[in-house]
Amino acid sequence: MESTQNMKNNLTHASLKGDYVARLRLQGMGVFNGVLKNINQTECSVEMDCNAEEGTRCFLWIQVKDAEHYSRGNIVKSDFHRVTIRIENGLSLYRIIARHEILLEDSTLKQLIRAQSYQNVIGVVDTRQDSSDRKLNCWEANKCGKENYCVAGTSVKFDGLFGGKNGGRFCAFIDETLCKNGRPLTGEKKLVKCSECDFFYEILRDATIDQGQYA
């Protein structure tokens, strides 16, 4: 079974692939046009014709739909037709492209985080279990004591998903749960917070293994 740390590492280094129009301004070399080929949370690679030295400072612009997004960065590798850039706000660009692509390719999240709505998640992985085979719930794992007034503990429509009571094992996909510090979050901000939670990875392990994706 895949360890929690390995799953976190896979999420951190997950790479999104796609062809996005890119422009790169290299310090002392001018502006080059190219195509973004892949990006993770710290680096990206751009296909373009230039010969930049490692360590060269740069500005990167990426066109996603009708908006242009940019980041400062440093060239870490160049082979004439492709450059690899360590980007300063890589996580932000990664999320923008992930939202556009909907699916985080090559990551342990795979089909689970499709459109940030529980209907789509249930459509992919519906693992409701009866009350005789229930598993540990989020409030039990985190010992928060909020199960009687948090939406995860009171939402009966999620009962049985991933083997939990109400939303007890579906908490990552329910908006405005009172996780740990009690601040309700929604959408991407919530999923980013969930990615810091060990219980979230326990849910992912169970859900993906049930679907035969991980041994």
N, C-alpha and C. Protein backbone atom coordinates (compact mmCIF):
# COMPACT_ATOMS: atom_id res chain seq x y z
N MET A 1 0.84 -1.19 0.00
CA MET A 1 0.00 0.00 0.00
C MET A 1 0.88 1.24 0.00
N GLU A 2 0.50 2.25 -0.77
CA GLU A 2 1.30 3.45 -0.88
C GLU A 2 1.25 4.23 0.41
N SER A 3 2.40 4.71 0.88
CA SER A 3 2.48 5.44 2.13
C SER A 3 1.94 6.84 1.97
N THR A 4 1.54 7.46 3.11
CA THR A 4 1.05 8.83 3.09
C THR A 4 2.10 9.77 2.54
N GLN A 5 3.35 9.60 2.95
CA GLN A 5 4.40 10.50 2.48
C GLN A 5 4.61 10.37 0.99
N ASN A 6 4.55 9.14 0.47
CA ASN A 6 4.71 8.95 -0.97
C ASN A 6 3.58 9.61 -1.74
N MET A 7 2.36 9.53 -1.19
CA MET A 7 1.23 10.15 -1.86
C MET A 7 1.39 11.66 -1.87
N LYS A 8 1.88 12.23 -0.75
CA LYS A 8 2.12 13.67 -0.70
C LYS A 8 3.19 14.07 -1.71
N ASN A 9 4.24 13.25 -1.80
CA ASN A 9 5.31 13.54 -2.76
C ASN A 9 4.78 13.49 -4.19
N ASN A 10 3.93 12.50 -4.47
CA ASN A 10 3.36 12.38 -5.81
C ASN A 10 2.52 13.60 -6.16
N LEU A 11 1.77 14.10 -5.17
CA LEU A 11 0.95 15.28 -5.40
C LEU A 11 1.82 16.48 -5.68
N THR A 12 2.88 16.64 -4.89
CA THR A 12 3.77 17.79 -5.04
C THR A 12 4.44 17.80 -6.40
N HIS A 13 4.83 16.61 -6.89
CA HIS A 13 5.60 16.53 -8.12
C HIS A 13 4.75 16.14 -9.33
N ALA A 14 3.42 16.11 -9.14
CA ALA A 14 2.55 15.78 -10.27
C ALA A 14 2.77 16.78 -11.38
N SER A 15 2.81 16.28 -12.61
CA SER A 15 3.10 17.13 -13.76
C SER A 15 1.88 17.23 -14.67
N LEU A 16 1.50 18.45 -15.00
CA LEU A 16 0.42 18.70 -15.94
C LEU A 16 1.02 18.90 -17.32
N LYS A 17 0.46 18.22 -18.31
CA LYS A 17 0.99 18.32 -19.67
C LYS A 17 -0.02 19.03 -20.56
N GLY A 18 0.49 19.81 -21.48
CA GLY A 18 -0.40 20.50 -22.41
C GLY A 18 0.38 21.53 -23.21
N ASP A 19 -0.21 21.96 -24.29
CA ASP A 19 0.43 22.95 -25.15
C ASP A 19 -0.23 24.31 -24.92
N TYR A 20 0.47 25.18 -24.22
CA TYR A 20 -0.03 26.52 -23.94
C TYR A 20 0.95 27.54 -24.52
N VAL A 21 0.41 28.54 -25.18
CA VAL A 21 1.25 29.60 -25.74
C VAL A 21 2.03 30.27 -24.61
N ALA A 22 3.33 30.43 -24.82
CA ALA A 22 4.19 31.01 -23.79
C ALA A 22 5.13 32.04 -24.40
N ARG A 23 5.50 33.04 -23.61
CA ARG A 23 6.54 33.99 -23.98
C ARG A 23 7.55 34.04 -22.84
N LEU A 24 8.78 34.16 -23.19
CA LEU A 24 9.85 34.15 -22.19
C LEU A 24 10.80 35.31 -22.46
N ARG A 25 10.93 36.18 -21.46
CA ARG A 25 11.91 37.26 -21.56
C ARG A 25 13.13 36.88 -20.75
N LEU A 26 14.22 36.69 -21.42
CA LEU A 26 15.46 36.29 -20.78
C LEU A 26 16.35 37.49 -20.54
N GLN A 27 16.90 37.56 -19.36
CA GLN A 27 17.75 38.69 -19.00
C GLN A 27 18.91 38.82 -19.98
N GLY A 28 18.99 39.97 -20.64
CA GLY A 28 20.08 40.23 -21.56
C GLY A 28 19.94 39.59 -22.92
N MET A 29 18.80 38.89 -23.18
CA MET A 29 18.64 38.17 -24.45
C MET A 29 17.37 38.53 -25.21
N GLY A 30 16.48 39.28 -24.59
CA GLY A 30 15.25 39.64 -25.27
C GLY A 30 14.10 38.69 -24.99
N VAL A 31 13.07 38.76 -25.85
CA VAL A 31 11.83 37.99 -25.67
C VAL A 31 11.75 36.88 -26.72
N PHE A 32 11.36 35.68 -26.26
CA PHE A 32 11.22 34.52 -27.15
C PHE A 32 9.80 33.96 -27.03
N ASN A 33 9.27 33.50 -28.15
CA ASN A 33 7.96 32.85 -28.17
C ASN A 33 8.15 31.33 -28.11
N GLY A 34 7.25 30.66 -27.41
CA GLY A 34 7.37 29.22 -27.30
C GLY A 34 6.07 28.57 -26.88
N VAL A 35 6.16 27.33 -26.45
CA VAL A 35 4.99 26.55 -26.03
C VAL A 35 5.31 25.87 -24.70
N LEU A 36 4.46 26.09 -23.72
CA LEU A 36 4.59 25.39 -22.44
C LEU A 36 4.23 23.92 -22.66
N LYS A 37 5.13 23.01 -22.31
CA LYS A 37 4.89 21.59 -22.53
C LYS A 37 4.43 20.87 -21.26
N ASN A 38 4.98 21.24 -20.13
CA ASN A 38 4.51 20.65 -18.87
C ASN A 38 4.90 21.56 -17.70
N ILE A 39 4.21 21.36 -16.60
CA ILE A 39 4.44 22.19 -15.42
C ILE A 39 4.10 21.39 -14.17
N ASN A 40 4.90 21.53 -13.12
CA ASN A 40 4.52 21.03 -11.80
C ASN A 40 4.51 22.22 -10.85
N GLN A 41 4.55 21.97 -9.58
CA GLN A 41 4.38 23.07 -8.63
C GLN A 41 5.64 23.89 -8.43
N THR A 42 6.75 23.48 -9.02
CA THR A 42 7.99 24.24 -8.84
C THR A 42 8.70 24.57 -10.15
N GLU A 43 8.48 23.75 -11.20
CA GLU A 43 9.20 23.95 -12.45
C GLU A 43 8.27 23.77 -13.65
N CYS A 44 8.73 24.27 -14.78
CA CYS A 44 8.00 24.02 -16.02
C CYS A 44 9.02 23.91 -17.15
N SER A 45 8.60 23.37 -18.28
CA SER A 45 9.47 23.32 -19.45
C SER A 45 8.76 23.99 -20.62
N VAL A 46 9.52 24.77 -21.38
CA VAL A 46 8.99 25.51 -22.51
C VAL A 46 9.78 25.13 -23.76
N GLU A 47 9.06 24.77 -24.80
CA GLU A 47 9.68 24.42 -26.08
C GLU A 47 9.89 25.70 -26.88
N MET A 48 11.13 26.03 -27.16
CA MET A 48 11.46 27.25 -27.88
C MET A 48 12.90 27.17 -28.37
N ASP A 49 13.24 28.02 -29.32
CA ASP A 49 14.60 28.04 -29.86
C ASP A 49 15.41 29.14 -29.21
N CYS A 50 16.25 28.76 -28.28
CA CYS A 50 17.17 29.71 -27.66
C CYS A 50 18.26 28.92 -26.94
N ASN A 51 19.30 29.59 -26.61
CA ASN A 51 20.40 28.94 -25.90
C ASN A 51 20.73 29.77 -24.66
N ALA A 52 20.03 29.49 -23.59
CA ALA A 52 20.19 30.26 -22.36
C ALA A 52 21.07 29.51 -21.38
N GLU A 53 21.90 30.24 -20.67
CA GLU A 53 22.76 29.61 -19.68
C GLU A 53 21.97 29.34 -18.40
N GLU A 54 22.36 28.28 -17.69
CA GLU A 54 21.74 27.98 -16.40
C GLU A 54 21.93 29.16 -15.46
N GLY A 55 20.88 29.46 -14.71
CA GLY A 55 20.94 30.58 -13.77
C GLY A 55 20.43 31.88 -14.34
N THR A 56 20.14 31.93 -15.65
CA THR A 56 19.64 33.15 -16.26
C THR A 56 18.27 33.50 -15.70
N ARG A 57 18.10 34.74 -15.26
CA ARG A 57 16.80 35.21 -14.77
C ARG A 57 15.85 35.39 -15.95
N CYS A 58 14.57 35.19 -15.69
CA CYS A 58 13.61 35.31 -16.77
C CYS A 58 12.23 35.70 -16.25
N PHE A 59 11.40 36.14 -17.17
CA PHE A 59 9.97 36.34 -16.93
C PHE A 59 9.23 35.41 -17.89
N LEU A 60 8.23 34.71 -17.37
CA LEU A 60 7.46 33.77 -18.17
C LEU A 60 6.00 34.21 -18.20
N TRP A 61 5.42 34.26 -19.41
CA TRP A 61 4.00 34.52 -19.58
C TRP A 61 3.36 33.27 -20.20
N ILE A 62 2.22 32.85 -19.66
CA ILE A 62 1.50 31.70 -20.19
C ILE A 62 0.07 32.12 -20.50
N GLN A 63 -0.40 31.76 -21.68
CA GLN A 63 -1.77 32.07 -22.09
C GLN A 63 -2.66 30.88 -21.75
N VAL A 64 -3.63 31.08 -20.85
CA VAL A 64 -4.60 30.04 -20.48
C VAL A 64 -5.99 30.61 -20.73
N LYS A 65 -6.70 30.02 -21.66
CA LYS A 65 -7.97 30.55 -22.12
C LYS A 65 -7.75 31.98 -22.59
N ASP A 66 -8.50 32.93 -22.01
CA ASP A 66 -8.41 34.31 -22.47
C ASP A 66 -7.53 35.17 -21.56
N ALA A 67 -6.85 34.55 -20.63
CA ALA A 67 -6.04 35.30 -19.67
C ALA A 67 -4.57 34.93 -19.78
N GLU A 68 -3.72 35.90 -19.46
CA GLU A 68 -2.28 35.67 -19.47
C GLU A 68 -1.77 35.73 -18.04
N HIS A 69 -0.96 34.75 -17.68
CA HIS A 69 -0.43 34.65 -16.32
C HIS A 69 1.09 34.63 -16.40
N TYR A 70 1.74 35.19 -15.38
CA TYR A 70 3.20 35.28 -15.47
C TYR A 70 3.87 34.92 -14.16
N SER A 71 5.15 34.67 -14.27
CA SER A 71 5.97 34.37 -13.11
C SER A 71 7.42 34.74 -13.40
N ARG A 72 8.14 35.15 -12.38
CA ARG A 72 9.59 35.25 -12.48
C ARG A 72 10.18 33.85 -12.33
N GLY A 73 11.40 33.69 -12.79
CA GLY A 73 12.02 32.39 -12.66
C GLY A 73 13.49 32.40 -12.99
N ASN A 74 14.08 31.20 -12.96
CA ASN A 74 15.49 31.00 -13.31
C ASN A 74 15.61 29.79 -14.23
N ILE A 75 16.43 29.90 -15.24
CA ILE A 75 16.69 28.76 -16.11
C ILE A 75 17.54 27.73 -15.35
N VAL A 76 17.07 26.49 -15.31
CA VAL A 76 17.85 25.44 -14.65
C VAL A 76 18.41 24.44 -15.66
N LYS A 77 17.86 24.47 -16.89
CA LYS A 77 18.37 23.57 -17.93
C LYS A 77 17.98 24.13 -19.29
N SER A 78 18.89 24.03 -20.26
CA SER A 78 18.60 24.50 -21.61
C SER A 78 19.29 23.58 -22.62
N ASP A 79 18.51 23.13 -23.62
CA ASP A 79 19.11 22.27 -24.65
C ASP A 79 18.75 22.75 -26.05
N PHE A 80 18.78 24.08 -26.25
CA PHE A 80 18.53 24.73 -27.54
C PHE A 80 17.04 24.76 -27.90
N HIS A 81 16.35 23.62 -27.85
CA HIS A 81 14.96 23.59 -28.25
C HIS A 81 13.99 23.56 -27.07
N ARG A 82 14.49 23.42 -25.87
CA ARG A 82 13.61 23.40 -24.70
C ARG A 82 14.38 23.90 -23.49
N VAL A 83 13.70 24.71 -22.67
CA VAL A 83 14.30 25.19 -21.43
C VAL A 83 13.45 24.74 -20.26
N THR A 84 14.10 24.45 -19.17
CA THR A 84 13.42 24.13 -17.92
C THR A 84 13.61 25.30 -16.97
N ILE A 85 12.51 25.75 -16.39
CA ILE A 85 12.52 26.96 -15.57
C ILE A 85 12.01 26.65 -14.18
N ARG A 86 12.75 27.10 -13.17
CA ARG A 86 12.24 27.05 -11.79
C ARG A 86 11.47 28.34 -11.57
N ILE A 87 10.16 28.23 -11.39
CA ILE A 87 9.30 29.41 -11.35
C ILE A 87 8.91 29.77 -9.91
N GLU A 88 8.86 31.07 -9.65
CA GLU A 88 8.63 31.54 -8.29
C GLU A 88 7.21 31.27 -7.80
N ASN A 89 6.23 31.50 -8.64
CA ASN A 89 4.85 31.22 -8.22
C ASN A 89 4.29 30.03 -9.00
N GLY A 90 5.09 28.96 -9.03
CA GLY A 90 4.71 27.76 -9.76
C GLY A 90 3.42 27.15 -9.27
N LEU A 91 3.19 27.17 -7.95
CA LEU A 91 1.97 26.57 -7.40
C LEU A 91 0.74 27.28 -7.94
N SER A 92 0.81 28.61 -8.04
CA SER A 92 -0.33 29.38 -8.54
C SER A 92 -0.61 29.05 -10.01
N LEU A 93 0.44 29.01 -10.83
CA LEU A 93 0.27 28.67 -12.24
C LEU A 93 -0.24 27.24 -12.40
N TYR A 94 0.29 26.35 -11.56
CA TYR A 94 -0.12 24.94 -11.60
C TYR A 94 -1.62 24.81 -11.33
N ARG A 95 -2.11 25.52 -10.34
CA ARG A 95 -3.54 25.45 -10.00
C ARG A 95 -4.40 26.01 -11.13
N ILE A 96 -3.94 27.10 -11.74
CA ILE A 96 -4.70 27.70 -12.84
C ILE A 96 -4.85 26.70 -13.98
N ILE A 97 -3.75 26.06 -14.35
CA ILE A 97 -3.79 25.09 -15.44
C ILE A 97 -4.56 23.83 -15.03
N ALA A 98 -4.40 23.41 -13.78
CA ALA A 98 -5.13 22.24 -13.30
C ALA A 98 -6.63 22.48 -13.36
N ARG A 99 -7.05 23.68 -12.99
CA ARG A 99 -8.48 24.00 -13.06
C ARG A 99 -8.95 23.98 -14.51
N HIS A 100 -8.11 24.47 -15.40
CA HIS A 100 -8.46 24.48 -16.82
C HIS A 100 -8.53 23.06 -17.36
N GLU A 101 -7.61 22.22 -16.97
CA GLU A 101 -7.58 20.84 -17.45
C GLU A 101 -8.57 19.95 -16.72
N ILE A 102 -9.06 20.42 -15.57
CA ILE A 102 -9.99 19.71 -14.69
C ILE A 102 -9.31 18.55 -13.98
N LEU A 103 -8.57 17.77 -14.69
CA LEU A 103 -7.99 16.56 -14.12
C LEU A 103 -6.50 16.74 -13.86
N LEU A 104 -6.03 16.41 -12.66
CA LEU A 104 -4.60 16.46 -12.35
C LEU A 104 -3.97 15.17 -12.83
N GLU A 105 -3.31 15.20 -13.96
CA GLU A 105 -2.74 13.99 -14.53
C GLU A 105 -1.56 13.50 -13.71
N ASP A 106 -1.36 12.21 -13.74
CA ASP A 106 -0.20 11.57 -13.12
C ASP A 106 -0.09 11.87 -11.62
N SER A 107 -1.19 12.11 -10.96
CA SER A 107 -1.13 12.33 -9.52
C SER A 107 -2.05 11.35 -8.82
N THR A 108 -1.86 11.18 -7.53
CA THR A 108 -2.71 10.28 -6.78
C THR A 108 -4.14 10.82 -6.67
N LEU A 109 -4.37 12.09 -6.96
CA LEU A 109 -5.73 12.62 -6.91
C LEU A 109 -6.56 12.12 -8.10
N LYS A 110 -5.92 12.01 -9.25
CA LYS A 110 -6.53 11.51 -10.48
C LYS A 110 -8.01 11.85 -10.59
N GLN A 111 -8.88 10.84 -10.57
CA GLN A 111 -10.28 11.06 -10.86
C GLN A 111 -11.04 11.67 -9.71
N LEU A 112 -10.42 11.73 -8.53
CA LEU A 112 -11.19 12.17 -7.36
C LEU A 112 -11.50 13.66 -7.38
N ILE A 113 -10.55 14.48 -7.82
CA ILE A 113 -10.78 15.92 -7.84
C ILE A 113 -11.04 16.34 -9.28
N ARG A 114 -12.24 16.14 -9.73
CA ARG A 114 -12.54 16.45 -11.13
C ARG A 114 -13.08 17.86 -11.28
N ALA A 115 -14.14 18.18 -10.66
CA ALA A 115 -14.72 19.50 -10.85
C ALA A 115 -15.05 20.15 -9.52
N GLN A 116 -14.48 19.67 -8.45
CA GLN A 116 -14.65 20.21 -7.12
C GLN A 116 -16.13 20.26 -6.72
N SER A 117 -16.84 19.23 -7.08
CA SER A 117 -18.22 19.09 -6.63
C SER A 117 -18.45 17.62 -6.33
N TYR A 118 -19.18 17.32 -5.26
CA TYR A 118 -19.32 15.94 -4.84
C TYR A 118 -20.07 15.09 -5.86
N GLN A 119 -20.94 15.73 -6.69
CA GLN A 119 -21.67 14.94 -7.68
C GLN A 119 -20.71 14.27 -8.66
N ASN A 120 -19.70 14.98 -9.13
CA ASN A 120 -18.76 14.41 -10.08
C ASN A 120 -17.88 13.35 -9.44
N VAL A 121 -17.51 13.57 -8.18
CA VAL A 121 -16.68 12.59 -7.49
C VAL A 121 -17.46 11.30 -7.31
N ILE A 122 -18.71 11.41 -6.87
CA ILE A 122 -19.54 10.23 -6.68
C ILE A 122 -19.71 9.49 -8.01
N GLY A 123 -19.82 10.24 -9.11
CA GLY A 123 -19.99 9.62 -10.41
C GLY A 123 -18.81 8.76 -10.80
N VAL A 124 -17.62 9.06 -10.27
CA VAL A 124 -16.42 8.31 -10.60
C VAL A 124 -16.18 7.20 -9.59
N VAL A 125 -16.29 7.53 -8.32
CA VAL A 125 -16.01 6.56 -7.26
C VAL A 125 -17.13 6.57 -6.25
N ASP A 126 -18.08 5.69 -6.41
CA ASP A 126 -19.19 5.59 -5.47
C ASP A 126 -18.98 4.35 -4.63
N THR A 127 -18.45 4.53 -3.44
CA THR A 127 -18.10 3.38 -2.60
C THR A 127 -18.88 3.43 -1.30
N ARG A 128 -20.18 3.54 -1.40
CA ARG A 128 -21.01 3.56 -0.20
C ARG A 128 -20.97 2.18 0.47
N GLN A 129 -20.87 2.19 1.78
CA GLN A 129 -20.84 0.95 2.54
C GLN A 129 -21.89 1.01 3.63
N ASP A 130 -22.43 -0.15 3.98
CA ASP A 130 -23.47 -0.14 5.00
C ASP A 130 -22.86 0.04 6.39
N SER A 131 -23.72 0.24 7.37
CA SER A 131 -23.28 0.60 8.71
C SER A 131 -22.49 -0.49 9.41
N SER A 132 -22.56 -1.71 8.91
CA SER A 132 -21.82 -2.81 9.55
C SER A 132 -20.35 -2.83 9.17
N ASP A 133 -19.97 -2.01 8.20
CA ASP A 133 -18.58 -2.01 7.73
C ASP A 133 -18.05 -0.59 7.65
N ARG A 134 -18.29 0.20 8.70
CA ARG A 134 -17.87 1.59 8.72
C ARG A 134 -16.41 1.72 9.15
N LYS A 135 -15.79 2.81 8.70
CA LYS A 135 -14.40 3.07 9.01
C LYS A 135 -14.28 4.35 9.84
N LEU A 136 -13.06 4.69 10.20
CA LEU A 136 -12.79 5.86 11.02
C LEU A 136 -13.24 7.14 10.30
N ASN A 137 -13.92 8.01 11.03
CA ASN A 137 -14.38 9.28 10.48
C ASN A 137 -13.39 10.40 10.77
N CYS A 138 -13.53 11.51 10.04
CA CYS A 138 -12.57 12.60 10.16
C CYS A 138 -12.51 13.17 11.57
N TRP A 139 -13.66 13.32 12.22
CA TRP A 139 -13.65 13.90 13.57
C TRP A 139 -13.02 12.94 14.58
N GLU A 140 -13.07 11.64 14.28
CA GLU A 140 -12.41 10.67 15.15
C GLU A 140 -10.90 10.68 14.92
N ALA A 141 -10.51 10.79 13.66
CA ALA A 141 -9.08 10.81 13.33
C ALA A 141 -8.41 12.08 13.85
N ASN A 142 -9.08 13.20 13.71
CA ASN A 142 -8.48 14.49 14.09
C ASN A 142 -8.87 14.96 15.49
N LYS A 143 -9.80 14.20 16.11
CA LYS A 143 -10.22 14.50 17.50
C LYS A 143 -10.62 15.97 17.65
N CYS A 144 -11.45 16.43 16.72
CA CYS A 144 -11.86 17.85 16.75
C CYS A 144 -13.09 18.09 17.61
N GLY A 145 -13.95 17.06 17.78
CA GLY A 145 -15.15 17.22 18.60
C GLY A 145 -16.24 18.06 17.96
N LYS A 146 -16.19 18.22 16.63
CA LYS A 146 -17.15 19.10 15.96
C LYS A 146 -18.21 18.34 15.15
N GLU A 147 -18.29 17.03 15.35
CA GLU A 147 -19.14 16.23 14.48
C GLU A 147 -20.63 16.56 14.59
N ASN A 148 -21.05 17.18 15.72
CA ASN A 148 -22.47 17.47 15.90
C ASN A 148 -22.91 18.78 15.26
N TYR A 149 -21.95 19.60 14.82
CA TYR A 149 -22.34 20.85 14.17
C TYR A 149 -21.54 21.17 12.91
N CYS A 150 -20.58 20.34 12.56
CA CYS A 150 -19.86 20.51 11.29
C CYS A 150 -20.64 19.80 10.20
N VAL A 151 -20.61 20.35 9.00
CA VAL A 151 -21.35 19.76 7.88
C VAL A 151 -20.88 18.34 7.56
N ALA A 152 -19.62 18.04 7.86
CA ALA A 152 -19.14 16.67 7.61
C ALA A 152 -19.84 15.66 8.51
N GLY A 153 -20.14 16.07 9.72
CA GLY A 153 -20.78 15.15 10.66
C GLY A 153 -22.29 15.10 10.55
N THR A 154 -22.90 16.12 9.94
CA THR A 154 -24.36 16.20 9.94
C THR A 154 -25.00 15.97 8.57
N SER A 155 -24.22 15.90 7.51
CA SER A 155 -24.79 15.77 6.16
C SER A 155 -25.10 14.31 5.84
N VAL A 156 -26.35 13.93 6.06
CA VAL A 156 -26.75 12.53 5.89
C VAL A 156 -26.72 12.10 4.43
N LYS A 157 -26.78 13.06 3.49
CA LYS A 157 -26.79 12.67 2.07
C LYS A 157 -25.48 12.04 1.63
N PHE A 158 -24.40 12.22 2.45
CA PHE A 158 -23.12 11.61 2.12
C PHE A 158 -22.89 10.31 2.89
N ASP A 159 -23.88 9.88 3.61
CA ASP A 159 -23.70 8.74 4.51
C ASP A 159 -23.26 7.49 3.75
N GLY A 160 -22.20 6.86 4.24
CA GLY A 160 -21.70 5.62 3.66
C GLY A 160 -20.62 5.80 2.62
N LEU A 161 -20.42 7.03 2.12
CA LEU A 161 -19.38 7.22 1.11
C LEU A 161 -18.00 6.95 1.69
N PHE A 162 -17.24 6.10 1.03
CA PHE A 162 -15.91 5.69 1.45
C PHE A 162 -15.94 5.03 2.83
N GLY A 163 -17.12 4.56 3.26
CA GLY A 163 -17.22 3.83 4.52
C GLY A 163 -17.41 4.70 5.74
N GLY A 164 -17.78 5.95 5.58
CA GLY A 164 -17.91 6.85 6.72
C GLY A 164 -19.35 7.07 7.15
N LYS A 165 -19.49 7.63 8.35
CA LYS A 165 -20.80 8.04 8.84
C LYS A 165 -21.07 9.46 8.34
N ASN A 166 -22.24 9.66 7.70
CA ASN A 166 -22.55 10.94 7.07
C ASN A 166 -21.38 11.35 6.18
N GLY A 167 -20.78 12.53 6.39
CA GLY A 167 -19.66 12.94 5.55
C GLY A 167 -18.32 12.71 6.20
N GLY A 168 -18.27 11.76 7.12
CA GLY A 168 -17.06 11.56 7.92
C GLY A 168 -15.83 11.09 7.16
N ARG A 169 -16.04 10.48 5.99
CA ARG A 169 -14.90 10.10 5.14
C ARG A 169 -15.01 10.74 3.76
N PHE A 170 -15.86 11.74 3.67
CA PHE A 170 -16.05 12.47 2.41
C PHE A 170 -15.79 13.95 2.63
N CYS A 171 -15.16 14.27 3.75
CA CYS A 171 -15.00 15.65 4.20
C CYS A 171 -14.25 16.51 3.20
N ALA A 172 -13.28 15.93 2.48
CA ALA A 172 -12.47 16.72 1.54
C ALA A 172 -13.31 17.29 0.41
N PHE A 173 -14.44 16.68 0.13
CA PHE A 173 -15.25 17.07 -1.02
C PHE A 173 -16.53 17.80 -0.62
N ILE A 174 -16.60 18.19 0.65
CA ILE A 174 -17.74 18.95 1.15
C ILE A 174 -17.26 20.35 1.50
N ASP A 175 -17.89 21.35 0.94
CA ASP A 175 -17.49 22.73 1.23
C ASP A 175 -17.85 23.14 2.65
N GLU A 176 -17.04 24.02 3.22
CA GLU A 176 -17.29 24.69 4.49
C GLU A 176 -17.29 23.75 5.69
N THR A 177 -16.50 22.69 5.64
CA THR A 177 -16.30 21.89 6.85
C THR A 177 -15.43 22.68 7.83
N LEU A 178 -15.57 22.38 9.11
CA LEU A 178 -14.85 23.11 10.15
C LEU A 178 -13.58 22.36 10.53
N CYS A 179 -12.67 22.26 9.61
CA CYS A 179 -11.48 21.44 9.81
C CYS A 179 -10.49 22.09 10.76
N LYS A 180 -10.13 21.39 11.80
CA LYS A 180 -9.05 21.75 12.72
C LYS A 180 -9.18 23.16 13.27
N ASN A 181 -8.77 24.18 12.50
CA ASN A 181 -8.81 25.54 13.04
C ASN A 181 -10.20 26.17 12.97
N GLY A 182 -11.16 25.42 12.40
CA GLY A 182 -12.54 25.88 12.40
C GLY A 182 -12.91 26.89 11.34
N ARG A 183 -11.98 27.22 10.43
CA ARG A 183 -12.27 28.19 9.40
C ARG A 183 -12.86 27.49 8.17
N PRO A 184 -14.11 27.77 7.80
CA PRO A 184 -14.70 27.09 6.65
C PRO A 184 -14.10 27.57 5.34
N LEU A 185 -13.74 26.63 4.48
CA LEU A 185 -13.16 26.96 3.19
C LEU A 185 -13.95 26.27 2.09
N THR A 186 -13.80 26.77 0.87
CA THR A 186 -14.49 26.17 -0.28
C THR A 186 -13.53 26.02 -1.44
N GLY A 187 -13.93 25.19 -2.41
CA GLY A 187 -13.22 25.06 -3.67
C GLY A 187 -11.76 24.70 -3.54
N GLU A 188 -10.93 25.36 -4.34
CA GLU A 188 -9.51 25.04 -4.39
C GLU A 188 -8.81 25.31 -3.07
N LYS A 189 -9.20 26.40 -2.37
CA LYS A 189 -8.56 26.70 -1.09
C LYS A 189 -8.76 25.55 -0.11
N LYS A 190 -9.93 24.96 -0.14
CA LYS A 190 -10.20 23.83 0.75
C LYS A 190 -9.37 22.61 0.36
N LEU A 191 -9.28 22.32 -0.93
CA LEU A 191 -8.53 21.15 -1.37
C LEU A 191 -7.03 21.30 -1.08
N VAL A 192 -6.53 22.52 -1.19
CA VAL A 192 -5.13 22.75 -0.83
C VAL A 192 -4.92 22.48 0.65
N LYS A 193 -5.86 22.93 1.49
CA LYS A 193 -5.77 22.68 2.92
C LYS A 193 -5.87 21.18 3.21
N CYS A 194 -6.75 20.50 2.50
CA CYS A 194 -6.90 19.06 2.70
C CYS A 194 -5.62 18.30 2.33
N SER A 195 -4.88 18.82 1.37
CA SER A 195 -3.66 18.14 0.96
C SER A 195 -2.59 18.15 2.05
N GLU A 196 -2.82 18.92 3.12
CA GLU A 196 -1.90 18.94 4.25
C GLU A 196 -2.34 17.99 5.36
N CYS A 197 -3.45 17.29 5.15
CA CYS A 197 -4.06 16.45 6.19
C CYS A 197 -3.79 14.97 5.94
N ASP A 198 -3.26 14.28 6.92
CA ASP A 198 -2.97 12.85 6.78
C ASP A 198 -4.24 12.04 6.53
N PHE A 199 -5.35 12.44 7.15
CA PHE A 199 -6.60 11.70 6.99
C PHE A 199 -7.07 11.74 5.54
N PHE A 200 -6.83 12.85 4.85
CA PHE A 200 -7.17 12.99 3.44
C PHE A 200 -6.50 11.90 2.62
N TYR A 201 -5.24 11.61 2.93
CA TYR A 201 -4.50 10.61 2.17
C TYR A 201 -4.96 9.20 2.50
N GLU A 202 -5.45 9.01 3.71
CA GLU A 202 -6.04 7.71 4.05
C GLU A 202 -7.28 7.48 3.19
N ILE A 203 -8.10 8.50 3.03
CA ILE A 203 -9.29 8.40 2.18
C ILE A 203 -8.89 8.10 0.73
N LEU A 204 -7.89 8.82 0.25
CA LEU A 204 -7.44 8.59 -1.13
C LEU A 204 -6.94 7.17 -1.33
N ARG A 205 -6.18 6.67 -0.36
CA ARG A 205 -5.68 5.30 -0.49
C ARG A 205 -6.83 4.32 -0.61
N ASP A 206 -7.81 4.44 0.27
CA ASP A 206 -8.94 3.52 0.24
C ASP A 206 -9.73 3.64 -1.05
N ALA A 207 -9.98 4.86 -1.47
CA ALA A 207 -10.83 5.08 -2.65
C ALA A 207 -10.14 4.59 -3.91
N THR A 208 -8.87 4.90 -4.09
CA THR A 208 -8.19 4.51 -5.31
C THR A 208 -7.89 3.01 -5.33
N ILE A 209 -7.58 2.44 -4.18
CA ILE A 209 -7.34 1.00 -4.13
C ILE A 209 -8.62 0.24 -4.43
N ASP A 210 -9.76 0.74 -3.92
CA ASP A 210 -11.04 0.12 -4.21
C ASP A 210 -11.33 0.09 -5.71
N GLN A 211 -10.78 1.07 -6.43
CA GLN A 211 -10.98 1.12 -7.88
C GLN A 211 -9.91 0.38 -8.65
N GLY A 212 -8.97 -0.27 -7.94
CA GLY A 212 -7.93 -1.06 -8.60
C GLY A 212 -6.82 -0.24 -9.19
N GLN A 213 -6.68 1.04 -8.74
CA GLN A 213 -5.65 1.89 -9.33
C GLN A 213 -4.31 1.72 -8.64
N TYR A 214 -4.32 1.32 -7.38
CA TYR A 214 -3.07 1.20 -6.64
C TYR A 214 -3.06 -0.12 -5.89
N ALA A 215 -1.92 -0.76 -5.89
CA ALA A 215 -1.80 -2.04 -5.18
C ALA A 215 -0.95 -1.85 -3.95
